[in-house]
């Protein structure tokens, strides 16, 4: 094959590829045009949701200013103001003959749509994830957002903390500012700062207080019971007389005295365990009891 024949073959192949590509584009434009017509017919019947679906399919086949405007008009009828504003604005920017022909009408529709929009500004802890009307909008700080008028649900989420949520009413043509009280992030941690300190305190204090509560409460309760038994053990009943009545005397050498001393020691020990701290401050306590008394010594 000569060089001339090779060049001719390449030119013919390129022309064939270009024709095939052109035929494909033409087919897609024809299908898109048919889908637009079907969408317009659905709009005339009042089925704007189905019309919107037809327009989206047309835009996927052959994107144009025409398809964008038709999508925006259907969204306007469905009161999807934010999406309608976006598609109508983008459609007006396209070099499209159909758009140029109906530009005034499109601009009128866009003005009407913008009459249902307001701005929303949210301030809060940096890094908090923001959702507006159930749609994620990024993390703080964010600039003012364009939203539809009326009630708007707002949610803020910081890792390790419950979601903060509120509802505000946005007025068209105005800016609504929301100041969040969601907890801020602790530096270098996924735990909010306001909760991190409480967590550390509880982790530090809980084991000591739990131990002191169990031991101190047990000593206090058993000591009171033992003292009561010792008191009754020391009592000696005397006969009642008509002049002096009935009386009790207590024998300090009776076995009940021992119980009384032990019980008092237990009560004192329980009080000391409960109220002298967890030992982190260096306090040391020694308790003791004898049949004749009790003692406590130590460093507090």
C-alpha atoms as a PDB file:
ATOM      1  CA  UNK A   1       0.000   0.000   0.000  1.00  0.00           C
ATOM      2  CA  UNK A   2       1.384   3.366  -1.030  1.00  0.00           C
ATOM      3  CA  UNK A   3       1.487   6.355   1.285  1.00  0.00           C
ATOM      4  CA  UNK A   4      -1.250   8.051  -0.725  1.00  0.00           C
ATOM      5  CA  UNK A   5      -3.591   5.074  -0.381  1.00  0.00           C
ATOM      6  CA  UNK A   6      -2.905   4.931   3.368  1.00  0.00           C
ATOM      7  CA  UNK A   7      -3.784   8.603   3.825  1.00  0.00           C
ATOM      8  CA  UNK A   8      -6.979   8.133   1.786  1.00  0.00           C
ATOM      9  CA  UNK A   9      -8.013   5.163   3.950  1.00  0.00           C
ATOM     10  CA  UNK A  10      -7.460   7.160   7.142  1.00  0.00           C
ATOM     11  CA  UNK A  11      -9.505  10.074   5.819  1.00  0.00           C
ATOM     12  CA  UNK A  12     -12.380   7.793   4.811  1.00  0.00           C
ATOM     13  CA  UNK A  13     -12.317   6.101   8.231  1.00  0.00           C
ATOM     14  CA  UNK A  14     -12.396   9.417  10.059  1.00  0.00           C
ATOM     15  CA  UNK A  15     -15.291  10.593   7.910  1.00  0.00           C
ATOM     16  CA  UNK A  16     -17.211   7.397   8.669  1.00  0.00           C
ATOM     17  CA  UNK A  17     -16.608   7.774  12.424  1.00  0.00           C
ATOM     18  CA  UNK A  18     -17.704  11.393  12.330  1.00  0.00           C
ATOM     19  CA  UNK A  19     -20.876  10.442  10.450  1.00  0.00           C
ATOM     20  CA  UNK A  20     -21.683   7.687  12.965  1.00  0.00           C
ATOM     21  CA  UNK A  21     -21.121  10.078  15.860  1.00  0.00           C
ATOM     22  CA  UNK A  22     -23.232  12.709  14.191  1.00  0.00           C
ATOM     23  CA  UNK A  23     -26.007  10.189  13.588  1.00  0.00           C
ATOM     24  CA  UNK A  24     -25.888   9.207  17.281  1.00  0.00           C
ATOM     25  CA  UNK A  25     -26.123  12.834  18.400  1.00  0.00           C
ATOM     26  CA  UNK A  26     -28.995  13.399  16.025  1.00  0.00           C
ATOM     27  CA  UNK A  27     -30.815  10.347  17.384  1.00  0.00           C
ATOM     28  CA  UNK A  28     -30.370  11.505  20.969  1.00  0.00           C
ATOM     29  CA  UNK A  29     -31.638  14.984  20.124  1.00  0.00           C
ATOM     30  CA  UNK A  30     -34.668  13.479  18.418  1.00  0.00           C
ATOM     31  CA  UNK A  31     -35.427  11.278  21.444  1.00  0.00           C
ATOM     32  CA  UNK A  32     -34.935  14.236  23.771  1.00  0.00           C
ATOM     33  CA  UNK A  33     -37.318  16.340  21.703  1.00  0.00           C
ATOM     34  CA  UNK A  34     -39.954  13.583  21.886  1.00  0.00           C
ATOM     35  CA  UNK A  35     -39.518  13.341  25.679  1.00  0.00           C
ATOM     36  CA  UNK A  36     -39.923  17.119  26.033  1.00  0.00           C
ATOM     37  CA  UNK A  37     -43.161  16.994  24.077  1.00  0.00           C
ATOM     38  CA  UNK A  38     -44.429  14.197  26.308  1.00  0.00           C
ATOM     39  CA  UNK A  39     -43.433  16.194  29.388  1.00  0.00           C
ATOM     40  CA  UNK A  40     -45.279  19.276  28.166  1.00  0.00           C
ATOM     41  CA  UNK A  41     -48.365  17.142  27.612  1.00  0.00           C
ATOM     42  CA  UNK A  42     -48.166  15.793  31.152  1.00  0.00           C
ATOM     43  CA  UNK A  43     -47.908  19.350  32.453  1.00  0.00           C
ATOM     44  CA  UNK A  44     -51.045  20.313  30.599  1.00  0.00           C
ATOM     45  CA  UNK A  45     -52.798  17.427  32.361  1.00  0.00           C
ATOM     46  CA  UNK A  46     -51.501  18.651  35.726  1.00  0.00           C
ATOM     47  CA  UNK A  47     -49.125  15.728  36.286  1.00  0.00           C
ATOM     48  CA  UNK A  48     -46.045  17.833  36.994  1.00  0.00           C
ATOM     49  CA  UNK A  49     -44.119  15.035  38.728  1.00  0.00           C
ATOM     50  CA  UNK A  50     -44.279  12.802  35.641  1.00  0.00           C
ATOM     51  CA  UNK A  51     -43.470  15.779  33.428  1.00  0.00           C
ATOM     52  CA  UNK A  52     -40.375  16.418  35.532  1.00  0.00           C
ATOM     53  CA  UNK A  53     -39.272  12.810  35.058  1.00  0.00           C
ATOM     54  CA  UNK A  54     -39.622  13.122  31.264  1.00  0.00           C
ATOM     55  CA  UNK A  55     -37.623  16.353  31.207  1.00  0.00           C
ATOM     56  CA  UNK A  56     -34.817  14.806  33.267  1.00  0.00           C
ATOM     57  CA  UNK A  57     -34.543  11.903  30.809  1.00  0.00           C
ATOM     58  CA  UNK A  58     -34.422  14.366  27.925  1.00  0.00           C
ATOM     59  CA  UNK A  59     -31.642  16.302  29.645  1.00  0.00           C
ATOM     60  CA  UNK A  60     -29.613  13.121  30.124  1.00  0.00           C
ATOM     61  CA  UNK A  61     -29.837  12.312  26.401  1.00  0.00           C
ATOM     62  CA  UNK A  62     -29.197  15.815  25.052  1.00  0.00           C
ATOM     63  CA  UNK A  63     -28.471  18.503  27.658  1.00  0.00           C
ATOM     64  CA  UNK A  64     -29.529  21.983  26.623  1.00  0.00           C
ATOM     65  CA  UNK A  65     -30.928  25.244  27.879  1.00  0.00           C
ATOM     66  CA  UNK A  66     -34.329  24.043  26.710  1.00  0.00           C
ATOM     67  CA  UNK A  67     -34.295  20.941  28.934  1.00  0.00           C
ATOM     68  CA  UNK A  68     -32.983  22.901  31.936  1.00  0.00           C
ATOM     69  CA  UNK A  69     -35.764  25.483  31.652  1.00  0.00           C
ATOM     70  CA  UNK A  70     -38.442  22.810  31.292  1.00  0.00           C
ATOM     71  CA  UNK A  71     -37.097  21.088  34.421  1.00  0.00           C
ATOM     72  CA  UNK A  72     -37.182  24.404  36.298  1.00  0.00           C
ATOM     73  CA  UNK A  73     -40.756  25.170  35.212  1.00  0.00           C
ATOM     74  CA  UNK A  74     -41.948  21.740  36.377  1.00  0.00           C
ATOM     75  CA  UNK A  75     -40.186  22.246  39.721  1.00  0.00           C
ATOM     76  CA  UNK A  76     -41.848  25.643  40.042  1.00  0.00           C
ATOM     77  CA  UNK A  77     -45.243  23.976  39.708  1.00  0.00           C
ATOM     78  CA  UNK A  78     -44.221  21.473  42.407  1.00  0.00           C
ATOM     79  CA  UNK A  79     -43.073  24.372  44.655  1.00  0.00           C
ATOM     80  CA  UNK A  80     -39.503  23.111  44.734  1.00  0.00           C
ATOM     81  CA  UNK A  81     -38.272  26.655  44.805  1.00  0.00           C
ATOM     82  CA  UNK A  82     -34.540  26.134  45.379  1.00  0.00           C
ATOM     83  CA  UNK A  83     -34.139  23.569  42.595  1.00  0.00           C
ATOM     84  CA  UNK A  84     -36.362  25.614  40.248  1.00  0.00           C
ATOM     85  CA  UNK A  85     -34.219  28.721  40.779  1.00  0.00           C
ATOM     86  CA  UNK A  86     -31.046  26.786  39.985  1.00  0.00           C
ATOM     87  CA  UNK A  87     -32.331  25.182  36.776  1.00  0.00           C
ATOM     88  CA  UNK A  88     -34.019  28.325  35.433  1.00  0.00           C
ATOM     89  CA  UNK A  89     -30.884  30.381  36.082  1.00  0.00           C
ATOM     90  CA  UNK A  90     -28.637  27.838  34.379  1.00  0.00           C
ATOM     91  CA  UNK A  91     -31.033  27.510  31.454  1.00  0.00           C
ATOM     92  CA  UNK A  92     -31.001  31.271  30.838  1.00  0.00           C
ATOM     93  CA  UNK A  93     -27.201  31.188  30.587  1.00  0.00           C
ATOM     94  CA  UNK A  94     -27.190  28.641  27.732  1.00  0.00           C
ATOM     95  CA  UNK A  95     -26.819  29.742  24.063  1.00  0.00           C
ATOM     96  CA  UNK A  96     -30.089  28.106  23.049  1.00  0.00           C
ATOM     97  CA  UNK A  97     -32.449  29.344  20.321  1.00  0.00           C
ATOM     98  CA  UNK A  98     -35.540  28.202  22.209  1.00  0.00           C
ATOM     99  CA  UNK A  99     -34.329  29.971  25.364  1.00  0.00           C
ATOM    100  CA  UNK A 100     -33.632  33.168  23.411  1.00  0.00           C
ATOM    101  CA  UNK A 101     -37.121  33.061  21.922  1.00  0.00           C
ATOM    102  CA  UNK A 102     -38.862  32.767  25.294  1.00  0.00           C
ATOM    103  CA  UNK A 103     -36.339  34.625  27.464  1.00  0.00           C
ATOM    104  CA  UNK A 104     -38.823  37.190  28.773  1.00  0.00           C
ATOM    105  CA  UNK A 105     -41.262  34.504  29.897  1.00  0.00           C
ATOM    106  CA  UNK A 106     -38.460  32.507  31.530  1.00  0.00           C
ATOM    107  CA  UNK A 107     -37.188  35.591  33.355  1.00  0.00           C
ATOM    108  CA  UNK A 108     -40.699  36.272  34.662  1.00  0.00           C
ATOM    109  CA  UNK A 109     -40.913  32.701  36.000  1.00  0.00           C
ATOM    110  CA  UNK A 110     -37.480  33.056  37.631  1.00  0.00           C
ATOM    111  CA  UNK A 111     -38.522  36.286  39.380  1.00  0.00           C
ATOM    112  CA  UNK A 112     -41.645  34.576  40.731  1.00  0.00           C
ATOM    113  CA  UNK A 113     -39.577  31.657  42.011  1.00  0.00           C
ATOM    114  CA  UNK A 114     -37.122  33.944  43.783  1.00  0.00           C
ATOM    115  CA  UNK A 115     -40.059  35.541  45.581  1.00  0.00           C
ATOM    116  CA  UNK A 116     -40.357  32.275  47.570  1.00  0.00           C
ATOM    117  CA  UNK A 117     -36.719  32.101  48.676  1.00  0.00           C
ATOM    118  CA  UNK A 118     -34.892  33.372  51.740  1.00  0.00           C
ATOM    119  CA  UNK A 119     -31.446  33.048  53.247  1.00  0.00           C
ATOM    120  CA  UNK A 120     -30.457  30.947  56.236  1.00  0.00           C
ATOM    121  CA  UNK A 121     -27.286  31.516  58.242  1.00  0.00           C
ATOM    122  CA  UNK A 122     -26.226  29.020  60.924  1.00  0.00           C
ATOM    123  CA  UNK A 123     -23.539  29.664  63.524  1.00  0.00           C
ATOM    124  CA  UNK A 124     -22.217  27.068  65.943  1.00  0.00           C
ATOM    125  CA  UNK A 125     -19.195  24.929  66.852  1.00  0.00           C
ATOM    126  CA  UNK A 126     -16.652  24.554  64.057  1.00  0.00           C
ATOM    127  CA  UNK A 127     -16.727  21.116  62.475  1.00  0.00           C
ATOM    128  CA  UNK A 128     -20.368  20.364  63.322  1.00  0.00           C
ATOM    129  CA  UNK A 129     -22.192  18.591  60.508  1.00  0.00           C
ATOM    130  CA  UNK A 130     -25.226  20.545  59.278  1.00  0.00           C
ATOM    131  CA  UNK A 131     -28.441  19.211  57.772  1.00  0.00           C
ATOM    132  CA  UNK A 132     -31.222  21.438  56.457  1.00  0.00           C
ATOM    133  CA  UNK A 133     -34.627  19.938  55.688  1.00  0.00           C
ATOM    134  CA  UNK A 134     -33.047  16.501  56.025  1.00  0.00           C
ATOM    135  CA  UNK A 135     -30.300  17.207  53.466  1.00  0.00           C
ATOM    136  CA  UNK A 136     -26.619  17.327  54.481  1.00  0.00           C
ATOM    137  CA  UNK A 137     -25.153  20.765  53.757  1.00  0.00           C
ATOM    138  CA  UNK A 138     -21.559  20.365  54.988  1.00  0.00           C
ATOM    139  CA  UNK A 139     -19.739  21.344  58.177  1.00  0.00           C
ATOM    140  CA  UNK A 140     -19.517  24.647  60.013  1.00  0.00           C
ATOM    141  CA  UNK A 141     -18.508  27.320  59.342  1.00  0.00           C
ATOM    142  CA  UNK A 142     -20.810  27.772  56.332  1.00  0.00           C
ATOM    143  CA  UNK A 143     -21.949  30.847  54.487  1.00  0.00           C
ATOM    144  CA  UNK A 144     -25.577  31.886  54.098  1.00  0.00           C
ATOM    145  CA  UNK A 145     -27.691  29.283  52.293  1.00  0.00           C
ATOM    146  CA  UNK A 146     -30.637  29.858  49.966  1.00  0.00           C
ATOM    147  CA  UNK A 147     -33.686  27.948  51.231  1.00  0.00           C
ATOM    148  CA  UNK A 148     -37.392  27.855  50.537  1.00  0.00           C
ATOM    149  CA  UNK A 149     -39.690  30.019  52.611  1.00  0.00           C
ATOM    150  CA  UNK A 150     -41.631  28.493  55.488  1.00  0.00           C
ATOM    151  CA  UNK A 151     -40.688  26.100  58.312  1.00  0.00           C
ATOM    152  CA  UNK A 152     -37.225  24.575  57.987  1.00  0.00           C
ATOM    153  CA  UNK A 153     -35.787  21.740  60.089  1.00  0.00           C
ATOM    154  CA  UNK A 154     -32.139  22.203  61.102  1.00  0.00           C
ATOM    155  CA  UNK A 155     -29.846  19.610  62.655  1.00  0.00           C
ATOM    156  CA  UNK A 156     -26.258  19.826  63.940  1.00  0.00           C
ATOM    157  CA  UNK A 157     -24.184  16.774  64.861  1.00  0.00           C
ATOM    158  CA  UNK A 158     -20.828  16.651  66.595  1.00  0.00           C
ATOM    159  CA  UNK A 159     -19.178  13.243  67.118  1.00  0.00           C
ATOM    160  CA  UNK A 160     -19.778  11.852  70.585  1.00  0.00           C
ATOM    161  CA  UNK A 161     -22.781  14.089  71.332  1.00  0.00           C
ATOM    162  CA  UNK A 162     -26.535  13.880  70.697  1.00  0.00           C
ATOM    163  CA  UNK A 163     -27.821  15.681  67.630  1.00  0.00           C
ATOM    164  CA  UNK A 164     -28.921  19.264  68.209  1.00  0.00           C
ATOM    165  CA  UNK A 165     -32.093  20.111  66.302  1.00  0.00           C
ATOM    166  CA  UNK A 166     -34.449  23.017  65.888  1.00  0.00           C
ATOM    167  CA  UNK A 167     -37.083  24.366  63.519  1.00  0.00           C
ATOM    168  CA  UNK A 168     -37.201  27.937  62.221  1.00  0.00           C
ATOM    169  CA  UNK A 169     -39.524  29.819  59.912  1.00  0.00           C
ATOM    170  CA  UNK A 170     -37.801  31.479  56.992  1.00  0.00           C
ATOM    171  CA  UNK A 171     -39.386  34.554  55.481  1.00  0.00           C
ATOM    172  CA  UNK A 172     -38.943  35.148  51.752  1.00  0.00           C
ATOM    173  CA  UNK A 173     -36.537  37.917  50.837  1.00  0.00           C
ATOM    174  CA  UNK A 174     -34.897  38.033  54.287  1.00  0.00           C
ATOM    175  CA  UNK A 175     -31.994  36.369  56.079  1.00  0.00           C
ATOM    176  CA  UNK A 176     -32.726  34.218  59.130  1.00  0.00           C
ATOM    177  CA  UNK A 177     -29.833  33.619  61.546  1.00  0.00           C
ATOM    178  CA  UNK A 178     -29.757  30.572  63.803  1.00  0.00           C
ATOM    179  CA  UNK A 179     -27.321  30.427  66.725  1.00  0.00           C
ATOM    180  CA  UNK A 180     -26.721  26.826  67.759  1.00  0.00           C
ATOM    181  CA  UNK A 181     -26.116  25.720  71.350  1.00  0.00           C
ATOM    182  CA  UNK A 182     -24.673  22.379  70.252  1.00  0.00           C
ATOM    183  CA  UNK A 183     -21.589  21.275  72.266  1.00  0.00           C
ATOM    184  CA  UNK A 184     -18.208  22.137  70.781  1.00  0.00           C
ATOM    185  CA  UNK A 185     -15.513  19.614  69.969  1.00  0.00           C
ATOM    186  CA  UNK A 186     -12.717  19.009  72.476  1.00  0.00           C
ATOM    187  CA  UNK A 187      -9.322  19.592  70.919  1.00  0.00           C
ATOM    188  CA  UNK A 188      -7.836  16.360  69.617  1.00  0.00           C
ATOM    189  CA  UNK A 189     -10.810  14.294  70.745  1.00  0.00           C
ATOM    190  CA  UNK A 190     -14.146  13.120  69.455  1.00  0.00           C
ATOM    191  CA  UNK A 191     -15.763  13.912  72.825  1.00  0.00           C
ATOM    192  CA  UNK A 192     -17.362  17.343  73.303  1.00  0.00           C
ATOM    193  CA  UNK A 193     -15.443  19.534  75.731  1.00  0.00           C
ATOM    194  CA  UNK A 194     -18.402  19.978  78.066  1.00  0.00           C
ATOM    195  CA  UNK A 195     -18.765  16.212  78.401  1.00  0.00           C
ATOM    196  CA  UNK A 196     -15.092  15.280  78.463  1.00  0.00           C
ATOM    197  CA  UNK A 197     -14.454  16.888  81.867  1.00  0.00           C
ATOM    198  CA  UNK A 198     -17.515  15.234  83.375  1.00  0.00           C
ATOM    199  CA  UNK A 199     -16.408  11.894  81.977  1.00  0.00           C
ATOM    200  CA  UNK A 200     -12.933  12.223  83.430  1.00  0.00           C
ATOM    201  CA  UNK A 201     -14.344  13.214  86.842  1.00  0.00           C
ATOM    202  CA  UNK A 202     -16.731  10.293  86.909  1.00  0.00           C
ATOM    203  CA  UNK A 203     -13.992   7.868  85.855  1.00  0.00           C
ATOM    204  CA  UNK A 204     -11.728   9.197  88.603  1.00  0.00           C
ATOM    205  CA  UNK A 205     -14.300   9.473  91.405  1.00  0.00           C
ATOM    206  CA  UNK A 206     -16.721   6.625  90.856  1.00  0.00           C
ATOM    207  CA  UNK A 207     -14.576   3.621  91.965  1.00  0.00           C
ATOM    208  CA  UNK A 208     -13.494   5.320  95.253  1.00  0.00           C
ATOM    209  CA  UNK A 209     -16.938   6.539  96.162  1.00  0.00           C
ATOM    210  CA  UNK A 210     -18.471   3.189  95.343  1.00  0.00           C
ATOM    211  CA  UNK A 211     -16.003   1.377  97.625  1.00  0.00           C
ATOM    212  CA  UNK A 212     -16.439   3.885 100.463  1.00  0.00           C
ATOM    213  CA  UNK A 213     -20.213   3.734 100.146  1.00  0.00           C
ATOM    214  CA  UNK A 214     -20.324  -0.038 100.430  1.00  0.00           C
ATOM    215  CA  UNK A 215     -17.812  -0.376 103.287  1.00  0.00           C
ATOM    216  CA  UNK A 216     -18.881   2.739 105.205  1.00  0.00           C
ATOM    217  CA  UNK A 217     -22.581   1.953 104.897  1.00  0.00           C
ATOM    218  CA  UNK A 218     -22.009  -1.632 105.997  1.00  0.00           C
ATOM    219  CA  UNK A 219     -20.033  -0.573 109.053  1.00  0.00           C
ATOM    220  CA  UNK A 220     -22.555   2.090 109.986  1.00  0.00           C
ATOM    221  CA  UNK A 221     -25.544  -0.227 109.753  1.00  0.00           C
ATOM    222  CA  UNK A 222     -23.963  -3.158 111.574  1.00  0.00           C
ATOM    223  CA  UNK A 223     -22.604  -0.828 114.275  1.00  0.00           C
ATOM    224  CA  UNK A 224     -26.064   0.569 115.028  1.00  0.00           C
ATOM    225  CA  UNK A 225     -27.537  -2.910 115.297  1.00  0.00           C
ATOM    226  CA  UNK A 226     -24.677  -4.071 117.578  1.00  0.00           C
ATOM    227  CA  UNK A 227     -25.052  -1.020 119.836  1.00  0.00           C
ATOM    228  CA  UNK A 228     -28.765  -1.712 120.226  1.00  0.00           C
ATOM    229  CA  UNK A 229     -28.086  -5.327 121.201  1.00  0.00           C
ATOM    230  CA  UNK A 230     -25.369  -4.230 123.645  1.00  0.00           C
ATOM    231  CA  UNK A 231     -27.673  -1.682 125.284  1.00  0.00           C
ATOM    232  CA  UNK A 232     -30.330  -4.288 125.973  1.00  0.00           C
ATOM    233  CA  UNK A 233     -27.661  -6.716 127.146  1.00  0.00           C
ATOM    234  CA  UNK A 234     -26.490  -4.300 129.829  1.00  0.00           C
ATOM    235  CA  UNK A 235     -29.965  -3.605 131.230  1.00  0.00           C
ATOM    236  CA  UNK A 236     -30.966  -5.239 134.529  1.00  0.00           C
ATOM    237  CA  UNK A 237     -34.653  -5.149 135.353  1.00  0.00           C
ATOM    238  CA  UNK A 238     -35.748  -4.176 138.851  1.00  0.00           C
ATOM    239  CA  UNK A 239     -39.097  -4.918 140.394  1.00  0.00           C
ATOM    240  CA  UNK A 240     -41.660  -2.225 140.029  1.00  0.00           C
ATOM    241  CA  UNK A 241     -42.973  -0.541 143.219  1.00  0.00           C
ATOM    242  CA  UNK A 242     -45.998   1.631 143.839  1.00  0.00           C
ATOM    243  CA  UNK A 243     -43.893   4.566 144.942  1.00  0.00           C
ATOM    244  CA  UNK A 244     -40.961   4.521 142.564  1.00  0.00           C
ATOM    245  CA  UNK A 245     -42.470   2.717 139.612  1.00  0.00           C
ATOM    246  CA  UNK A 246     -40.407   0.545 137.281  1.00  0.00           C
ATOM    247  CA  UNK A 247     -36.832   1.390 136.387  1.00  0.00           C
ATOM    248  CA  UNK A 248     -33.818  -0.058 134.586  1.00  0.00           C
ATOM    249  CA  UNK A 249     -30.212   0.103 135.573  1.00  0.00           C
ATOM    250  CA  UNK A 250     -27.229  -0.712 133.420  1.00  0.00           C
ATOM    251  CA  UNK A 251     -24.314  -2.879 134.419  1.00  0.00           C
ATOM    252  CA  UNK A 252     -21.139  -1.632 132.742  1.00  0.00           C
ATOM    253  CA  UNK A 253     -19.450  -4.967 133.386  1.00  0.00           C
ATOM    254  CA  UNK A 254     -22.164  -7.023 131.656  1.00  0.00           C
ATOM    255  CA  UNK A 255     -21.415  -8.769 128.314  1.00  0.00           C
ATOM    256  CA  UNK A 256     -23.635  -6.177 126.619  1.00  0.00           C
ATOM    257  CA  UNK A 257     -20.981  -3.555 127.295  1.00  0.00           C
ATOM    258  CA  UNK A 258     -18.661  -5.349 124.925  1.00  0.00           C
ATOM    259  CA  UNK A 259     -21.267  -5.323 122.197  1.00  0.00           C
ATOM    260  CA  UNK A 260     -21.948  -1.668 122.856  1.00  0.00           C
ATOM    261  CA  UNK A 261     -18.258  -0.805 122.460  1.00  0.00           C
ATOM    262  CA  UNK A 262     -17.865  -2.850 119.286  1.00  0.00           C
ATOM    263  CA  UNK A 263     -20.998  -1.317 117.794  1.00  0.00           C
ATOM    264  CA  UNK A 264     -19.846   2.207 118.581  1.00  0.00           C
ATOM    265  CA  UNK A 265     -16.483   1.458 116.969  1.00  0.00           C
ATOM    266  CA  UNK A 266     -18.243   0.184 113.839  1.00  0.00           C
ATOM    267  CA  UNK A 267     -20.418   3.299 113.679  1.00  0.00           C
ATOM    268  CA  UNK A 268     -17.398   5.553 114.009  1.00  0.00           C
ATOM    269  CA  UNK A 269     -15.544   3.552 111.409  1.00  0.00           C
ATOM    270  CA  UNK A 270     -18.421   3.833 108.977  1.00  0.00           C
ATOM    271  CA  UNK A 271     -18.608   7.600 109.435  1.00  0.00           C
ATOM    272  CA  UNK A 272     -14.866   7.983 108.939  1.00  0.00           C
ATOM    273  CA  UNK A 273     -14.860   5.820 105.800  1.00  0.00           C
ATOM    274  CA  UNK A 274     -17.718   7.798 104.276  1.00  0.00           C
ATOM    275  CA  UNK A 275     -16.448  11.291 105.017  1.00  0.00           C
ATOM    276  CA  UNK A 276     -12.643  11.225 105.095  1.00  0.00           C
ATOM    277  CA  UNK A 277     -12.103  11.034 101.318  1.00  0.00           C
ATOM    278  CA  UNK A 278     -10.648   8.420  99.066  1.00  0.00           C
ATOM    279  CA  UNK A 279      -7.107   8.487 100.412  1.00  0.00           C
ATOM    280  CA  UNK A 280      -5.739  10.568  97.502  1.00  0.00           C
ATOM    281  CA  UNK A 281      -4.853  13.379  99.890  1.00  0.00           C
ATOM    282  CA  UNK A 282      -2.675  11.135 102.044  1.00  0.00           C
ATOM    283  CA  UNK A 283      -5.155  10.666 104.918  1.00  0.00           C
ATOM    284  CA  UNK A 284      -4.645   7.555 107.039  1.00  0.00           C
ATOM    285  CA  UNK A 285      -7.073   6.290 109.664  1.00  0.00           C
ATOM    286  CA  UNK A 286      -6.686   3.516 112.279  1.00  0.00           C
ATOM    287  CA  UNK A 287      -9.650   2.236 114.268  1.00  0.00           C
ATOM    288  CA  UNK A 288      -9.773  -0.006 117.343  1.00  0.00           C
ATOM    289  CA  UNK A 289     -12.127  -1.284 120.021  1.00  0.00           C
ATOM    290  CA  UNK A 290     -11.843  -2.955 123.433  1.00  0.00           C
ATOM    291  CA  UNK A 291     -14.477  -4.177 125.893  1.00  0.00           C
ATOM    292  CA  UNK A 292     -14.029  -0.904 127.762  1.00  0.00           C
ATOM    293  CA  UNK A 293     -14.038   1.568 124.870  1.00  0.00           C
ATOM    294  CA  UNK A 294     -12.978   2.400 121.367  1.00  0.00           C
ATOM    295  CA  UNK A 295     -10.318   4.521 119.749  1.00  0.00           C
ATOM    296  CA  UNK A 296      -9.512   6.189 116.424  1.00  0.00           C
ATOM    297  CA  UNK A 297      -6.213   7.699 115.445  1.00  0.00           C
ATOM    298  CA  UNK A 298      -4.717   8.849 112.230  1.00  0.00           C
ATOM    299  CA  UNK A 299      -3.766  11.653 109.914  1.00  0.00           C
ATOM    300  CA  UNK A 300      -6.570  13.557 108.113  1.00  0.00           C
END
